[in-house]
PDB file of N, CA and C in Angstrom:
ATOM      1  N   UNK A   1      10.516 -19.252  -8.055  1.00  0.00           N
ATOM      2  CA  UNK A   1      10.005 -18.249  -8.971  1.00  0.00           C
ATOM      3  C   UNK A   1       8.483 -18.263  -9.012  1.00  0.00           C
ATOM      4  N   UNK A   2       7.906 -19.455  -8.981  1.00  0.00           N
ATOM      5  CA  UNK A   2       6.454 -19.570  -9.014  1.00  0.00           C
ATOM      6  C   UNK A   2       5.820 -18.908  -7.798  1.00  0.00           C
ATOM      7  N   UNK A   3       6.463 -19.043  -6.633  1.00  0.00           N
ATOM      8  CA  UNK A   3       5.952 -18.438  -5.421  1.00  0.00           C
ATOM      9  C   UNK A   3       5.920 -16.918  -5.545  1.00  0.00           C
ATOM     10  N   UNK A   4       6.989 -16.318  -6.077  1.00  0.00           N
ATOM     11  CA  UNK A   4       7.019 -14.868  -6.225  1.00  0.00           C
ATOM     12  C   UNK A   4       6.001 -14.415  -7.264  1.00  0.00           C
ATOM     13  N   UNK A   5       5.790 -15.216  -8.285  1.00  0.00           N
ATOM     14  CA  UNK A   5       4.809 -14.899  -9.319  1.00  0.00           C
ATOM     15  C   UNK A   5       3.405 -14.831  -8.719  1.00  0.00           C
ATOM     16  N   UNK A   6       3.063 -15.819  -7.904  1.00  0.00           N
ATOM     17  CA  UNK A   6       1.739 -15.815  -7.278  1.00  0.00           C
ATOM     18  C   UNK A   6       1.642 -14.725  -6.211  1.00  0.00           C
ATOM     19  N   UNK A   7       2.763 -14.438  -5.548  1.00  0.00           N
ATOM     20  CA  UNK A   7       2.770 -13.365  -4.543  1.00  0.00           C
ATOM     21  C   UNK A   7       2.503 -12.008  -5.199  1.00  0.00           C
ATOM     22  N   UNK A   8       3.205 -11.739  -6.300  1.00  0.00           N
ATOM     23  CA  UNK A   8       3.005 -10.469  -7.003  1.00  0.00           C
ATOM     24  C   UNK A   8       1.573 -10.380  -7.511  1.00  0.00           C
ATOM     25  N   UNK A   9       1.058 -11.464  -8.065  1.00  0.00           N
ATOM     26  CA  UNK A   9      -0.320 -11.482  -8.560  1.00  0.00           C
ATOM     27  C   UNK A   9      -1.306 -11.171  -7.429  1.00  0.00           C
ATOM     28  N   UNK A  10      -1.084 -11.772  -6.268  1.00  0.00           N
ATOM     29  CA  UNK A  10      -1.971 -11.524  -5.120  1.00  0.00           C
ATOM     30  C   UNK A  10      -1.884 -10.067  -4.670  1.00  0.00           C
ATOM     31  N   UNK A  11      -0.670  -9.509  -4.672  1.00  0.00           N
ATOM     32  CA  UNK A  11      -0.499  -8.112  -4.273  1.00  0.00           C
ATOM     33  C   UNK A  11      -1.165  -7.161  -5.265  1.00  0.00           C
ATOM     34  N   UNK A  12      -1.081  -7.482  -6.546  1.00  0.00           N
ATOM     35  CA  UNK A  12      -1.745  -6.666  -7.568  1.00  0.00           C
ATOM     36  C   UNK A  12      -3.248  -6.666  -7.307  1.00  0.00           C
ATOM     37  N   UNK A  13      -3.808  -7.845  -7.057  1.00  0.00           N
ATOM     38  CA  UNK A  13      -5.244  -7.965  -6.767  1.00  0.00           C
ATOM     39  C   UNK A  13      -5.601  -7.209  -5.480  1.00  0.00           C
ATOM     40  N   UNK A  14      -4.807  -7.407  -4.411  1.00  0.00           N
ATOM     41  CA  UNK A  14      -5.078  -6.747  -3.134  1.00  0.00           C
ATOM     42  C   UNK A  14      -5.050  -5.227  -3.273  1.00  0.00           C
ATOM     43  N   UNK A  15      -4.083  -4.727  -4.018  1.00  0.00           N
ATOM     44  CA  UNK A  15      -3.960  -3.273  -4.204  1.00  0.00           C
ATOM     45  C   UNK A  15      -5.165  -2.731  -4.965  1.00  0.00           C
ATOM     46  N   UNK A  16      -5.579  -3.446  -5.999  1.00  0.00           N
ATOM     47  CA  UNK A  16      -6.751  -3.012  -6.771  1.00  0.00           C
ATOM     48  C   UNK A  16      -8.003  -3.010  -5.909  1.00  0.00           C
ATOM     49  N   UNK A  17      -8.190  -4.080  -5.136  1.00  0.00           N
ATOM     50  CA  UNK A  17      -9.370  -4.173  -4.276  1.00  0.00           C
ATOM     51  C   UNK A  17      -9.344  -3.111  -3.190  1.00  0.00           C
ATOM     52  N   UNK A  18      -8.170  -2.848  -2.634  1.00  0.00           N
ATOM     53  CA  UNK A  18      -8.052  -1.823  -1.585  1.00  0.00           C
ATOM     54  C   UNK A  18      -8.419  -0.455  -2.143  1.00  0.00           C
ATOM     55  N   UNK A  19      -8.081  -0.219  -3.398  1.00  0.00           N
ATOM     56  CA  UNK A  19      -8.393   1.058  -4.049  1.00  0.00           C
ATOM     57  C   UNK A  19      -9.831   1.056  -4.552  1.00  0.00           C
ATOM     58  N   UNK A  20     -10.530  -0.052  -4.388  1.00  0.00           N
ATOM     59  CA  UNK A  20     -11.937  -0.208  -4.787  1.00  0.00           C
ATOM     60  C   UNK A  20     -12.133   0.003  -6.288  1.00  0.00           C
ATOM     61  N   UNK A  21     -11.226  -0.560  -7.063  1.00  0.00           N
ATOM     62  CA  UNK A  21     -11.335  -0.508  -8.518  1.00  0.00           C
ATOM     63  C   UNK A  21     -11.753  -1.871  -9.047  1.00  0.00           C
ATOM     64  N   UNK A  22     -12.553  -1.871 -10.092  1.00  0.00           N
ATOM     65  CA  UNK A  22     -12.892  -3.132 -10.743  1.00  0.00           C
ATOM     66  C   UNK A  22     -11.719  -3.547 -11.627  1.00  0.00           C
ATOM     67  N   UNK A  23     -11.747  -4.792 -12.050  1.00  0.00           N
ATOM     68  CA  UNK A  23     -10.700  -5.263 -12.952  1.00  0.00           C
ATOM     69  C   UNK A  23     -10.752  -4.505 -14.278  1.00  0.00           C
ATOM     70  N   UNK A  24     -11.948  -4.204 -14.720  1.00  0.00           N
ATOM     71  CA  UNK A  24     -12.115  -3.451 -15.970  1.00  0.00           C
ATOM     72  C   UNK A  24     -11.536  -2.048 -15.826  1.00  0.00           C
ATOM     73  N   UNK A  25     -11.830  -1.396 -14.706  1.00  0.00           N
ATOM     74  CA  UNK A  25     -11.310  -0.038 -14.479  1.00  0.00           C
ATOM     75  C   UNK A  25      -9.790  -0.036 -14.407  1.00  0.00           C
ATOM     76  N   UNK A  26      -9.221  -1.032 -13.730  1.00  0.00           N
ATOM     77  CA  UNK A  26      -7.763  -1.103 -13.623  1.00  0.00           C
ATOM     78  C   UNK A  26      -7.145  -1.332 -15.003  1.00  0.00           C
ATOM     79  N   UNK A  27      -7.737  -2.198 -15.788  1.00  0.00           N
ATOM     80  CA  UNK A  27      -7.233  -2.445 -17.144  1.00  0.00           C
ATOM     81  C   UNK A  27      -7.264  -1.157 -17.970  1.00  0.00           C
ATOM     82  N   UNK A  28      -8.330  -0.386 -17.819  1.00  0.00           N
ATOM     83  CA  UNK A  28      -8.426   0.888 -18.549  1.00  0.00           C
ATOM     84  C   UNK A  28      -7.347   1.864 -18.086  1.00  0.00           C
ATOM     85  N   UNK A  29      -7.133   1.946 -16.758  1.00  0.00           N
ATOM     86  CA  UNK A  29      -6.075   2.822 -16.236  1.00  0.00           C
ATOM     87  C   UNK A  29      -4.707   2.431 -16.795  1.00  0.00           C
ATOM     88  N   UNK A  30      -4.518   1.147 -16.988  1.00  0.00           N
ATOM     89  CA  UNK A  30      -3.237   0.641 -17.478  1.00  0.00           C
ATOM     90  C   UNK A  30      -3.172   0.615 -19.003  1.00  0.00           C
ATOM     91  N   UNK A  31      -4.276   0.965 -19.641  1.00  0.00           N
ATOM     92  CA  UNK A  31      -4.361   0.978 -21.100  1.00  0.00           C
ATOM     93  C   UNK A  31      -4.027  -0.400 -21.675  1.00  0.00           C
ATOM     94  N   UNK A  32      -4.684  -1.405 -21.102  1.00  0.00           N
ATOM     95  CA  UNK A  32      -4.491  -2.775 -21.589  1.00  0.00           C
ATOM     96  C   UNK A  32      -5.841  -3.486 -21.647  1.00  0.00           C
ATOM     97  N   UNK A  33      -5.871  -4.566 -22.379  1.00  0.00           N
ATOM     98  CA  UNK A  33      -7.095  -5.366 -22.483  1.00  0.00           C
ATOM     99  C   UNK A  33      -7.426  -5.975 -21.119  1.00  0.00           C
ATOM    100  N   UNK A  34      -8.715  -6.161 -20.868  1.00  0.00           N
ATOM    101  CA  UNK A  34      -9.156  -6.745 -19.596  1.00  0.00           C
ATOM    102  C   UNK A  34      -8.528  -8.116 -19.370  1.00  0.00           C
ATOM    103  N   UNK A  35      -8.486  -8.941 -20.422  1.00  0.00           N
ATOM    104  CA  UNK A  35      -7.920 -10.287 -20.283  1.00  0.00           C
ATOM    105  C   UNK A  35      -6.432 -10.236 -19.940  1.00  0.00           C
ATOM    106  N   UNK A  36      -5.724  -9.279 -20.500  1.00  0.00           N
ATOM    107  CA  UNK A  36      -4.296  -9.117 -20.181  1.00  0.00           C
ATOM    108  C   UNK A  36      -4.135  -8.801 -18.706  1.00  0.00           C
ATOM    109  N   UNK A  37      -5.006  -7.907 -18.203  1.00  0.00           N
ATOM    110  CA  UNK A  37      -4.945  -7.589 -16.773  1.00  0.00           C
ATOM    111  C   UNK A  37      -5.315  -8.807 -15.920  1.00  0.00           C
ATOM    112  N   UNK A  38      -6.339  -9.541 -16.337  1.00  0.00           N
ATOM    113  CA  UNK A  38      -6.741 -10.740 -15.588  1.00  0.00           C
ATOM    114  C   UNK A  38      -5.590 -11.744 -15.509  1.00  0.00           C
ATOM    115  N   UNK A  39      -4.822 -11.848 -16.578  1.00  0.00           N
ATOM    116  CA  UNK A  39      -3.668 -12.749 -16.580  1.00  0.00           C
ATOM    117  C   UNK A  39      -2.619 -12.311 -15.560  1.00  0.00           C
ATOM    118  N   UNK A  40      -2.461 -11.005 -15.365  1.00  0.00           N
ATOM    119  CA  UNK A  40      -1.534 -10.496 -14.348  1.00  0.00           C
ATOM    120  C   UNK A  40      -2.029 -10.846 -12.948  1.00  0.00           C
ATOM    121  N   UNK A  41      -3.316 -10.611 -12.732  1.00  0.00           N
ATOM    122  CA  UNK A  41      -3.896 -10.827 -11.410  1.00  0.00           C
ATOM    123  C   UNK A  41      -3.989 -12.307 -11.046  1.00  0.00           C
ATOM    124  N   UNK A  42      -4.102 -13.151 -12.031  1.00  0.00           N
ATOM    125  CA  UNK A  42      -4.197 -14.589 -11.762  1.00  0.00           C
ATOM    126  C   UNK A  42      -2.820 -15.240 -11.646  1.00  0.00           C
ATOM    127  N   UNK A  43      -1.775 -14.512 -12.033  1.00  0.00           N
ATOM    128  CA  UNK A  43      -0.433 -15.075 -11.984  1.00  0.00           C
ATOM    129  C   UNK A  43      -0.055 -15.837 -13.244  1.00  0.00           C
ATOM    130  N   UNK A  44      -0.931 -15.809 -14.229  1.00  0.00           N
ATOM    131  CA  UNK A  44      -0.626 -16.488 -15.493  1.00  0.00           C
ATOM    132  C   UNK A  44       0.575 -15.834 -16.179  1.00  0.00           C
ATOM    133  N   UNK A  45       0.639 -14.512 -16.084  1.00  0.00           N
ATOM    134  CA  UNK A  45       1.801 -13.780 -16.608  1.00  0.00           C
ATOM    135  C   UNK A  45       2.309 -12.826 -15.532  1.00  0.00           C
ATOM    136  N   UNK A  46       3.591 -12.511 -15.608  1.00  0.00           N
ATOM    137  CA  UNK A  46       4.183 -11.558 -14.668  1.00  0.00           C
ATOM    138  C   UNK A  46       4.158 -10.173 -15.284  1.00  0.00           C
ATOM    139  N   UNK A  47       3.869  -9.161 -14.473  1.00  0.00           N
ATOM    140  CA  UNK A  47       3.856  -7.809 -15.022  1.00  0.00           C
ATOM    141  C   UNK A  47       5.275  -7.319 -15.312  1.00  0.00           C
ATOM    142  N   UNK A  48       5.394  -6.487 -16.326  1.00  0.00           N
ATOM    143  CA  UNK A  48       6.659  -5.808 -16.580  1.00  0.00           C
ATOM    144  C   UNK A  48       6.867  -4.799 -15.456  1.00  0.00           C
ATOM    145  N   UNK A  49       8.091  -4.394 -15.274  1.00  0.00           N
ATOM    146  CA  UNK A  49       8.396  -3.416 -14.227  1.00  0.00           C
ATOM    147  C   UNK A  49       7.624  -2.128 -14.480  1.00  0.00           C
ATOM    148  N   UNK A  50       7.549  -1.698 -15.717  1.00  0.00           N
ATOM    149  CA  UNK A  50       6.821  -0.459 -16.034  1.00  0.00           C
ATOM    150  C   UNK A  50       5.338  -0.580 -15.677  1.00  0.00           C
ATOM    151  N   UNK A  51       4.774  -1.758 -15.873  1.00  0.00           N
ATOM    152  CA  UNK A  51       3.373  -1.987 -15.501  1.00  0.00           C
ATOM    153  C   UNK A  51       3.218  -1.967 -13.990  1.00  0.00           C
ATOM    154  N   UNK A  52       4.138  -2.576 -13.286  1.00  0.00           N
ATOM    155  CA  UNK A  52       4.098  -2.588 -11.826  1.00  0.00           C
ATOM    156  C   UNK A  52       4.227  -1.168 -11.270  1.00  0.00           C
ATOM    157  N   UNK A  53       5.054  -0.354 -11.885  1.00  0.00           N
ATOM    158  CA  UNK A  53       5.203   1.051 -11.475  1.00  0.00           C
ATOM    159  C   UNK A  53       3.868   1.785 -11.656  1.00  0.00           C
ATOM    160  N   UNK A  54       3.197   1.553 -12.776  1.00  0.00           N
ATOM    161  CA  UNK A  54       1.897   2.184 -13.028  1.00  0.00           C
ATOM    162  C   UNK A  54       0.867   1.733 -11.993  1.00  0.00           C
ATOM    163  N   UNK A  55       0.857   0.438 -11.692  1.00  0.00           N
ATOM    164  CA  UNK A  55      -0.093  -0.092 -10.705  1.00  0.00           C
ATOM    165  C   UNK A  55       0.185   0.530  -9.339  1.00  0.00           C
ATOM    166  N   UNK A  56       1.448   0.667  -8.990  1.00  0.00           N
ATOM    167  CA  UNK A  56       1.818   1.288  -7.716  1.00  0.00           C
ATOM    168  C   UNK A  56       1.311   2.729  -7.652  1.00  0.00           C
ATOM    169  N   UNK A  57       1.471   3.467  -8.726  1.00  0.00           N
ATOM    170  CA  UNK A  57       1.000   4.863  -8.759  1.00  0.00           C
ATOM    171  C   UNK A  57      -0.518   4.936  -8.666  1.00  0.00           C
ATOM    172  N   UNK A  58      -1.202   4.084  -9.388  1.00  0.00           N
ATOM    173  CA  UNK A  58      -2.671   4.088  -9.395  1.00  0.00           C
ATOM    174  C   UNK A  58      -3.216   3.753  -8.011  1.00  0.00           C
ATOM    175  N   UNK A  59      -2.612   2.782  -7.355  1.00  0.00           N
ATOM    176  CA  UNK A  59      -3.137   2.306  -6.070  1.00  0.00           C
ATOM    177  C   UNK A  59      -2.534   3.011  -4.857  1.00  0.00           C
ATOM    178  N   UNK A  60      -1.461   3.765  -5.067  1.00  0.00           N
ATOM    179  CA  UNK A  60      -0.821   4.439  -3.943  1.00  0.00           C
ATOM    180  C   UNK A  60       0.052   3.533  -3.097  1.00  0.00           C
ATOM    181  N   UNK A  61       0.345   2.367  -3.609  1.00  0.00           N
ATOM    182  CA  UNK A  61       1.214   1.416  -2.897  1.00  0.00           C
ATOM    183  C   UNK A  61       2.661   1.653  -3.308  1.00  0.00           C
ATOM    184  N   UNK A  62       3.597   1.460  -2.375  1.00  0.00           N
ATOM    185  CA  UNK A  62       5.005   1.558  -2.772  1.00  0.00           C
ATOM    186  C   UNK A  62       5.374   0.379  -3.672  1.00  0.00           C
ATOM    187  N   UNK A  63       6.244   0.621  -4.616  1.00  0.00           N
ATOM    188  CA  UNK A  63       6.626  -0.419  -5.571  1.00  0.00           C
ATOM    189  C   UNK A  63       7.146  -1.672  -4.872  1.00  0.00           C
ATOM    190  N   UNK A  64       7.953  -1.507  -3.835  1.00  0.00           N
ATOM    191  CA  UNK A  64       8.516  -2.642  -3.121  1.00  0.00           C
ATOM    192  C   UNK A  64       7.473  -3.524  -2.462  1.00  0.00           C
ATOM    193  N   UNK A  65       6.323  -2.959  -2.145  1.00  0.00           N
ATOM    194  CA  UNK A  65       5.255  -3.718  -1.487  1.00  0.00           C
ATOM    195  C   UNK A  65       4.789  -4.885  -2.353  1.00  0.00           C
ATOM    196  N   UNK A  66       4.849  -4.708  -3.668  1.00  0.00           N
ATOM    197  CA  UNK A  66       4.403  -5.762  -4.576  1.00  0.00           C
ATOM    198  C   UNK A  66       5.381  -6.931  -4.609  1.00  0.00           C
ATOM    199  N   UNK A  67       6.624  -6.654  -4.275  1.00  0.00           N
ATOM    200  CA  UNK A  67       7.669  -7.664  -4.386  1.00  0.00           C
ATOM    201  C   UNK A  67       8.028  -8.269  -3.037  1.00  0.00           C
ATOM    202  N   UNK A  68       8.244  -7.422  -2.052  1.00  0.00           N
ATOM    203  CA  UNK A  68       8.656  -7.879  -0.718  1.00  0.00           C
ATOM    204  C   UNK A  68       7.460  -8.435   0.030  1.00  0.00           C
ATOM    205  N   UNK A  69       7.618  -9.623   0.557  1.00  0.00           N
ATOM    206  CA  UNK A  69       6.503 -10.257   1.254  1.00  0.00           C
ATOM    207  C   UNK A  69       6.264  -9.668   2.634  1.00  0.00           C
ATOM    208  N   UNK A  70       7.282  -9.124   3.276  1.00  0.00           N
ATOM    209  CA  UNK A  70       7.123  -8.625   4.639  1.00  0.00           C
ATOM    210  C   UNK A  70       7.395  -7.136   4.761  1.00  0.00           C
ATOM    211  N   UNK A  71       7.232  -6.365   3.681  1.00  0.00           N
ATOM    212  CA  UNK A  71       7.504  -4.939   3.748  1.00  0.00           C
ATOM    213  C   UNK A  71       6.531  -4.238   4.690  1.00  0.00           C
ATOM    214  N   UNK A  72       5.273  -4.606   4.633  1.00  0.00           N
ATOM    215  CA  UNK A  72       4.278  -4.077   5.552  1.00  0.00           C
ATOM    216  C   UNK A  72       3.777  -5.259   6.364  1.00  0.00           C
ATOM    217  N   UNK A  73       3.999  -5.264   7.685  1.00  0.00           N
ATOM    218  CA  UNK A  73       3.609  -6.417   8.502  1.00  0.00           C
ATOM    219  C   UNK A  73       2.112  -6.712   8.405  1.00  0.00           C
ATOM    220  N   UNK A  74       1.773  -7.979   8.608  1.00  0.00           N
ATOM    221  CA  UNK A  74       0.371  -8.392   8.556  1.00  0.00           C
ATOM    222  C   UNK A  74      -0.482  -7.624   9.549  1.00  0.00           C
ATOM    223  N   UNK A  75       0.097  -7.239  10.685  1.00  0.00           N
ATOM    224  CA  UNK A  75      -0.701  -6.515  11.672  1.00  0.00           C
ATOM    225  C   UNK A  75      -1.202  -5.203  11.116  1.00  0.00           C
ATOM    226  N   UNK A  76      -0.431  -4.562  10.247  1.00  0.00           N
ATOM    227  CA  UNK A  76      -0.895  -3.325   9.622  1.00  0.00           C
ATOM    228  C   UNK A  76      -2.004  -3.643   8.639  1.00  0.00           C
ATOM    229  N   UNK A  77      -1.876  -4.742   7.883  1.00  0.00           N
ATOM    230  CA  UNK A  77      -2.906  -5.111   6.926  1.00  0.00           C
ATOM    231  C   UNK A  77      -4.251  -5.363   7.603  1.00  0.00           C
ATOM    232  N   UNK A  78      -4.231  -5.749   8.867  1.00  0.00           N
ATOM    233  CA  UNK A  78      -5.468  -6.041   9.577  1.00  0.00           C
ATOM    234  C   UNK A  78      -6.187  -4.780  10.033  1.00  0.00           C
ATOM    235  N   UNK A  79      -5.525  -3.643   9.978  1.00  0.00           N
ATOM    236  CA  UNK A  79      -6.108  -2.398  10.470  1.00  0.00           C
ATOM    237  C   UNK A  79      -6.149  -1.377   9.348  1.00  0.00           C
ATOM    238  N   UNK A  80      -7.344  -1.155   8.808  1.00  0.00           N
ATOM    239  CA  UNK A  80      -7.487  -0.244   7.679  1.00  0.00           C
ATOM    240  C   UNK A  80      -6.990   1.160   7.991  1.00  0.00           C
ATOM    241  N   UNK A  81      -7.218   1.641   9.213  1.00  0.00           N
ATOM    242  CA  UNK A  81      -6.788   2.995   9.535  1.00  0.00           C
ATOM    243  C   UNK A  81      -5.264   3.114   9.513  1.00  0.00           C
ATOM    244  N   UNK A  82      -4.554   2.122  10.013  1.00  0.00           N
ATOM    245  CA  UNK A  82      -3.100   2.153   9.979  1.00  0.00           C
ATOM    246  C   UNK A  82      -2.574   2.005   8.552  1.00  0.00           C
ATOM    247  N   UNK A  83      -3.205   1.148   7.799  1.00  0.00           N
ATOM    248  CA  UNK A  83      -2.802   0.959   6.403  1.00  0.00           C
ATOM    249  C   UNK A  83      -2.993   2.264   5.631  1.00  0.00           C
ATOM    250  N   UNK A  84      -4.111   2.921   5.875  1.00  0.00           N
ATOM    251  CA  UNK A  84      -4.382   4.187   5.199  1.00  0.00           C
ATOM    252  C   UNK A  84      -3.346   5.245   5.590  1.00  0.00           C
ATOM    253  N   UNK A  85      -2.994   5.283   6.873  1.00  0.00           N
ATOM    254  CA  UNK A  85      -1.984   6.221   7.347  1.00  0.00           C
ATOM    255  C   UNK A  85      -0.632   5.959   6.682  1.00  0.00           C
ATOM    256  N   UNK A  86      -0.244   4.710   6.602  1.00  0.00           N
ATOM    257  CA  UNK A  86       1.023   4.359   5.949  1.00  0.00           C
ATOM    258  C   UNK A  86       0.989   4.753   4.479  1.00  0.00           C
ATOM    259  N   UNK A  87      -0.112   4.480   3.804  1.00  0.00           N
ATOM    260  CA  UNK A  87      -0.223   4.827   2.389  1.00  0.00           C
ATOM    261  C   UNK A  87      -0.157   6.333   2.165  1.00  0.00           C
ATOM    262  N   UNK A  88      -0.803   7.098   3.028  1.00  0.00           N
ATOM    263  CA  UNK A  88      -0.721   8.553   2.911  1.00  0.00           C
ATOM    264  C   UNK A  88       0.694   9.046   3.176  1.00  0.00           C
ATOM    265  N   UNK A  89       1.330   8.481   4.195  1.00  0.00           N
ATOM    266  CA  UNK A  89       2.682   8.883   4.561  1.00  0.00           C
ATOM    267  C   UNK A  89       3.653   8.654   3.402  1.00  0.00           C
ATOM    268  N   UNK A  90       3.482   7.560   2.697  1.00  0.00           N
ATOM    269  CA  UNK A  90       4.346   7.232   1.569  1.00  0.00           C
ATOM    270  C   UNK A  90       4.201   8.257   0.444  1.00  0.00           C
ATOM    271  N   UNK A  91       3.028   8.862   0.330  1.00  0.00           N
ATOM    272  CA  UNK A  91       2.788   9.828  -0.736  1.00  0.00           C
ATOM    273  C   UNK A  91       3.364  11.207  -0.435  1.00  0.00           C
ATOM    274  N   UNK A  92       3.729  11.446   0.823  1.00  0.00           N
ATOM    275  CA  UNK A  92       4.287  12.742   1.210  1.00  0.00           C
ATOM    276  C   UNK A  92       5.722  12.842   0.683  1.00  0.00           C
ATOM    277  N   UNK A  93       6.084  14.010   0.132  1.00  0.00           N
ATOM    278  CA  UNK A  93       7.467  14.165  -0.352  1.00  0.00           C
ATOM    279  C   UNK A  93       8.483  13.900   0.761  1.00  0.00           C
ATOM    280  N   UNK A  94       9.610  13.308   0.371  1.00  0.00           N
ATOM    281  CA  UNK A  94      10.644  12.924   1.330  1.00  0.00           C
ATOM    282  C   UNK A  94      11.074  14.067   2.237  1.00  0.00           C
ATOM    283  N   UNK A  95      11.200  15.270   1.676  1.00  0.00           N
ATOM    284  CA  UNK A  95      11.699  16.391   2.465  1.00  0.00           C
ATOM    285  C   UNK A  95      10.710  16.859   3.538  1.00  0.00           C
ATOM    286  N   UNK A  96       9.470  16.395   3.480  1.00  0.00           N
ATOM    287  CA  UNK A  96       8.460  16.802   4.462  1.00  0.00           C
ATOM    288  C   UNK A  96       8.185  15.691   5.476  1.00  0.00           C
ATOM    289  N   UNK A  97       8.481  14.453   5.113  1.00  0.00           N
ATOM    290  CA  UNK A  97       8.149  13.305   5.969  1.00  0.00           C
ATOM    291  C   UNK A  97       8.715  13.413   7.375  1.00  0.00           C
ATOM    292  N   UNK A  98       9.997  13.712   7.494  1.00  0.00           N
ATOM    293  CA  UNK A  98      10.640  13.759   8.820  1.00  0.00           C
ATOM    294  C   UNK A  98       9.983  14.814   9.705  1.00  0.00           C
ATOM    295  N   UNK A  99       9.697  15.965   9.117  1.00  0.00           N
ATOM    296  CA  UNK A  99       9.055  17.041   9.890  1.00  0.00           C
ATOM    297  C   UNK A  99       7.659  16.629  10.352  1.00  0.00           C
ATOM    298  N   UNK A 100       6.880  16.042   9.464  1.00  0.00           N
ATOM    299  CA  UNK A 100       5.538  15.570   9.828  1.00  0.00           C
ATOM    300  C   UNK A 100       5.603  14.503  10.917  1.00  0.00           C
ATOM    301  N   UNK A 101       6.507  13.568  10.738  1.00  0.00           N
ATOM    302  CA  UNK A 101       6.647  12.483  11.702  1.00  0.00           C
ATOM    303  C   UNK A 101       7.024  13.026  13.077  1.00  0.00           C
ATOM    304  N   UNK A 102       7.992  13.920  13.112  1.00  0.00           N
ATOM    305  CA  UNK A 102       8.428  14.511  14.382  1.00  0.00           C
ATOM    306  C   UNK A 102       7.282  15.261  15.063  1.00  0.00           C
ATOM    307  N   UNK A 103       6.540  16.020  14.291  1.00  0.00           N
ATOM    308  CA  UNK A 103       5.414  16.787  14.833  1.00  0.00           C
ATOM    309  C   UNK A 103       4.339  15.862  15.425  1.00  0.00           C
ATOM    310  N   UNK A 104       3.971  14.841  14.674  1.00  0.00           N
ATOM    311  CA  UNK A 104       2.896  13.959  15.129  1.00  0.00           C
ATOM    312  C   UNK A 104       3.328  13.040  16.263  1.00  0.00           C
ATOM    313  N   UNK A 105       4.580  12.653  16.281  1.00  0.00           N
ATOM    314  CA  UNK A 105       5.072  11.871  17.419  1.00  0.00           C
ATOM    315  C   UNK A 105       5.005  12.732  18.676  1.00  0.00           C
ATOM    316  N   UNK A 106       5.368  13.995  18.548  1.00  0.00           N
ATOM    317  CA  UNK A 106       5.268  14.917  19.683  1.00  0.00           C
ATOM    318  C   UNK A 106       3.843  15.058  20.177  1.00  0.00           C
ATOM    319  N   UNK A 107       2.893  15.204  19.256  1.00  0.00           N
ATOM    320  CA  UNK A 107       1.478  15.316  19.633  1.00  0.00           C
ATOM    321  C   UNK A 107       0.986  14.061  20.346  1.00  0.00           C
ATOM    322  N   UNK A 108       1.320  12.902  19.803  1.00  0.00           N
ATOM    323  CA  UNK A 108       0.868  11.650  20.406  1.00  0.00           C
ATOM    324  C   UNK A 108       1.510  11.435  21.774  1.00  0.00           C
ATOM    325  N   UNK A 109       2.774  11.805  21.916  1.00  0.00           N
ATOM    326  CA  UNK A 109       3.465  11.666  23.195  1.00  0.00           C
ATOM    327  C   UNK A 109       2.800  12.534  24.257  1.00  0.00           C
ATOM    328  N   UNK A 110       2.502  13.790  23.888  1.00  0.00           N
ATOM    329  CA  UNK A 110       1.815  14.687  24.833  1.00  0.00           C
ATOM    330  C   UNK A 110       0.443  14.146  25.214  1.00  0.00           C
ATOM    331  N   UNK A 111      -0.278  13.624  24.239  1.00  0.00           N
ATOM    332  CA  UNK A 111      -1.599  13.083  24.491  1.00  0.00           C
ATOM    333  C   UNK A 111      -1.530  11.904  25.465  1.00  0.00           C
ATOM    334  N   UNK A 112      -0.589  10.998  25.224  1.00  0.00           N
ATOM    335  CA  UNK A 112      -0.440   9.820  26.094  1.00  0.00           C
ATOM    336  C   UNK A 112      -0.035  10.242  27.499  1.00  0.00           C
ATOM    337  N   UNK A 113       0.844  11.228  27.612  1.00  0.00           N
ATOM    338  CA  UNK A 113       1.250  11.727  28.929  1.00  0.00           C
ATOM    339  C   UNK A 113       0.068  12.334  29.671  1.00  0.00           C
ATOM    340  N   UNK A 114      -0.781  13.066  28.968  1.00  0.00           N
ATOM    341  CA  UNK A 114      -1.976  13.644  29.584  1.00  0.00           C
ATOM    342  C   UNK A 114      -2.938  12.560  30.062  1.00  0.00           C
ATOM    343  N   UNK A 115      -3.093  11.514  29.265  1.00  0.00           N
ATOM    344  CA  UNK A 115      -3.952  10.396  29.669  1.00  0.00           C
ATOM    345  C   UNK A 115      -3.434   9.746  30.951  1.00  0.00           C
ATOM    346  N   UNK A 116      -2.110   9.570  31.026  1.00  0.00           N
ATOM    347  CA  UNK A 116      -1.517   8.974  32.215  1.00  0.00           C
ATOM    348  C   UNK A 116      -1.739   9.857  33.435  1.00  0.00           C
ATOM    349  N   UNK A 117      -1.600  11.157  33.258  1.00  0.00           N
ATOM    350  CA  UNK A 117      -1.815  12.084  34.377  1.00  0.00           C
ATOM    351  C   UNK A 117      -3.270  12.061  34.841  1.00  0.00           C
ATOM    352  N   UNK A 118      -4.190  11.928  33.919  1.00  0.00           N
ATOM    353  CA  UNK A 118      -5.605  11.890  34.275  1.00  0.00           C
ATOM    354  C   UNK A 118      -5.944  10.605  35.036  1.00  0.00           C
ATOM    355  N   UNK A 119      -5.277   9.506  34.705  1.00  0.00           N
ATOM    356  CA  UNK A 119      -5.527   8.236  35.381  1.00  0.00           C
ATOM    357  C   UNK A 119      -4.885   8.203  36.765  1.00  0.00           C
ATOM    358  N   UNK A 120      -3.744   8.831  36.899  1.00  0.00           N
ATOM    359  CA  UNK A 120      -2.992   8.824  38.163  1.00  0.00           C
ATOM    360  C   UNK A 120      -2.701  10.256  38.615  1.00  0.00           C
ATOM    361  N   UNK A 121      -3.717  10.956  39.100  1.00  0.00           N
ATOM    362  CA  UNK A 121      -3.495  12.365  39.493  1.00  0.00           C
ATOM    363  C   UNK A 121      -2.582  12.506  40.707  1.00  0.00           C
TER     364      UNK A 121
END
C-alpha cells in the first residue's frame, strides 16, 4: 500500500509539473489549502477519487495513469512530443478517435513508403 501511495503522489507531482502549474495554482484549481495539496504530493495523504478525477481533468492525464505504473511506457515519458500526442489523443471524443487514428496511420504509411522509394529508386 505504501508503494502505491508514493506512486500516486509522484504521478500527481509529475502531472502538475508537466502542465507547468505551481503547487499554489494546483491547490487553487482544486479549491483546497496549499498544505493539503502538498500533503497529497508528498504522499503524506492519499487523494480521494474525486480529487484524483479533478487532477486528471486539470492536467489532461487519464485517470488510470495515476494508478497504473505501466499504463504509459517509460519510453513515451522520455519523449515530450510523443507524450503530448498521447495526451491530446486521450482528449479526443471516443467516436472520433478511430477515424483520426486511421487517417493519420494512412498518412504516415504513405510518407514512409515515399521515403523508401526515394532511397531506393
